[in-house]
Amino acid sequence: TDLGGDDADIDADTSTNAVLDLISRVGRKDNGKFFNIRVPAFDHRPAPFQYAGEEIPW
């Protein structure tokens, strides 16, 4: 997408693959929770630029 433009953290292909991975990992027990996607290159960056595939507070 063009939403982030040149300043976007990740490209659309990386984001799509990460979302599909997340969908395949969650189940009924995760209903009502919020997660960020997992992008290995962004695991250890400071929030909010961290994509570690973890549950996030809402």
C-alpha atoms as a PDB file:
ATOM      1  CA  THR A   1       0.000   0.000   0.000  1.00  0.00           C
ATOM      2  CA  ASP A   2       0.991   3.634  -0.230  1.00  0.00           C
ATOM      3  CA  LEU A   3      -0.064   4.404   3.343  1.00  0.00           C
ATOM      4  CA  GLY A   4       3.438   4.611   4.804  1.00  0.00           C
ATOM      5  CA  GLY A   5       5.169   5.763   1.662  1.00  0.00           C
ATOM      6  CA  ASP A   6       8.942   5.958   1.837  1.00  0.00           C
ATOM      7  CA  ASP A   7       8.737   6.284   5.639  1.00  0.00           C
ATOM      8  CA  ALA A   8       6.980   2.938   6.201  1.00  0.00           C
ATOM      9  CA  ASP A   9       8.736   0.500   8.536  1.00  0.00           C
ATOM     10  CA  ILE A  10       8.013  -2.558   6.404  1.00  0.00           C
ATOM     11  CA  ASP A  11       6.822  -3.216   2.870  1.00  0.00           C
ATOM     12  CA  ALA A  12       3.431  -4.702   1.960  1.00  0.00           C
ATOM     13  CA  ASP A  13       4.802  -8.179   1.124  1.00  0.00           C
ATOM     14  CA  THR A  14       6.592  -8.490   4.469  1.00  0.00           C
ATOM     15  CA  SER A  15       3.525  -7.263   6.308  1.00  0.00           C
ATOM     16  CA  THR A  16       1.208  -9.667   4.478  1.00  0.00           C
ATOM     17  CA  ASN A  17       3.414 -12.665   5.227  1.00  0.00           C
ATOM     18  CA  ALA A  18       3.668 -11.652   8.886  1.00  0.00           C
ATOM     19  CA  VAL A  19      -0.115 -11.287   9.204  1.00  0.00           C
ATOM     20  CA  LEU A  20      -0.654 -14.720   7.642  1.00  0.00           C
ATOM     21  CA  ASP A  21       1.894 -16.196  10.068  1.00  0.00           C
ATOM     22  CA  LEU A  22       0.104 -14.597  13.011  1.00  0.00           C
ATOM     23  CA  ILE A  23      -3.274 -15.913  11.849  1.00  0.00           C
ATOM     24  CA  SER A  24      -1.854 -19.437  11.650  1.00  0.00           C
ATOM     25  CA  ARG A  25      -0.480 -19.243  15.235  1.00  0.00           C
ATOM     26  CA  VAL A  26      -3.495 -17.953  17.174  1.00  0.00           C
ATOM     27  CA  GLY A  27      -6.515 -19.908  18.333  1.00  0.00           C
ATOM     28  CA  ARG A  28      -9.648 -19.655  20.449  1.00  0.00           C
ATOM     29  CA  LYS A  29      -7.616 -18.908  23.572  1.00  0.00           C
ATOM     30  CA  ASP A  30      -6.411 -15.704  21.914  1.00  0.00           C
ATOM     31  CA  ASN A  31      -9.880 -14.315  21.241  1.00  0.00           C
ATOM     32  CA  GLY A  32     -10.105 -10.688  22.369  1.00  0.00           C
ATOM     33  CA  LYS A  33      -6.340 -10.186  22.521  1.00  0.00           C
ATOM     34  CA  PHE A  34      -4.261  -7.791  20.451  1.00  0.00           C
ATOM     35  CA  PHE A  35      -1.008  -8.860  18.813  1.00  0.00           C
ATOM     36  CA  ASN A  36       1.631  -7.196  16.734  1.00  0.00           C
ATOM     37  CA  ILE A  37       3.091  -9.038  13.778  1.00  0.00           C
ATOM     38  CA  ARG A  38       6.518 -10.685  13.903  1.00  0.00           C
ATOM     39  CA  VAL A  39       9.208  -9.295  11.623  1.00  0.00           C
ATOM     40  CA  PRO A  40      12.605 -10.682  12.734  1.00  0.00           C
ATOM     41  CA  ALA A  41      14.559  -7.586  11.690  1.00  0.00           C
ATOM     42  CA  PHE A  42      12.400  -5.512  14.063  1.00  0.00           C
ATOM     43  CA  ASP A  43      12.357  -7.819  17.127  1.00  0.00           C
ATOM     44  CA  HIS A  44      14.632  -5.679  19.271  1.00  0.00           C
ATOM     45  CA  ARG A  45      13.768  -2.161  18.179  1.00  0.00           C
ATOM     46  CA  PRO A  46      12.168   0.217  20.670  1.00  0.00           C
ATOM     47  CA  ALA A  47       8.383   0.472  20.756  1.00  0.00           C
ATOM     48  CA  PRO A  48       6.352   1.392  18.782  1.00  0.00           C
ATOM     49  CA  PHE A  49       8.693   0.228  16.000  1.00  0.00           C
ATOM     50  CA  GLN A  50       9.016  -3.289  17.385  1.00  0.00           C
ATOM     51  CA  TYR A  51       7.347  -6.183  15.600  1.00  0.00           C
ATOM     52  CA  ALA A  52       8.021  -9.150  17.889  1.00  0.00           C
ATOM     53  CA  GLY A  53       4.782 -11.091  17.378  1.00  0.00           C
ATOM     54  CA  GLU A  54       3.738 -10.624  20.990  1.00  0.00           C
ATOM     55  CA  GLU A  55       0.504  -9.754  22.701  1.00  0.00           C
ATOM     56  CA  ILE A  56       0.257  -6.001  23.148  1.00  0.00           C
ATOM     57  CA  PRO A  57      -1.696  -4.055  25.778  1.00  0.00           C
ATOM     58  CA  TRP A  58      -4.801  -2.204  24.770  1.00  0.00           C
END
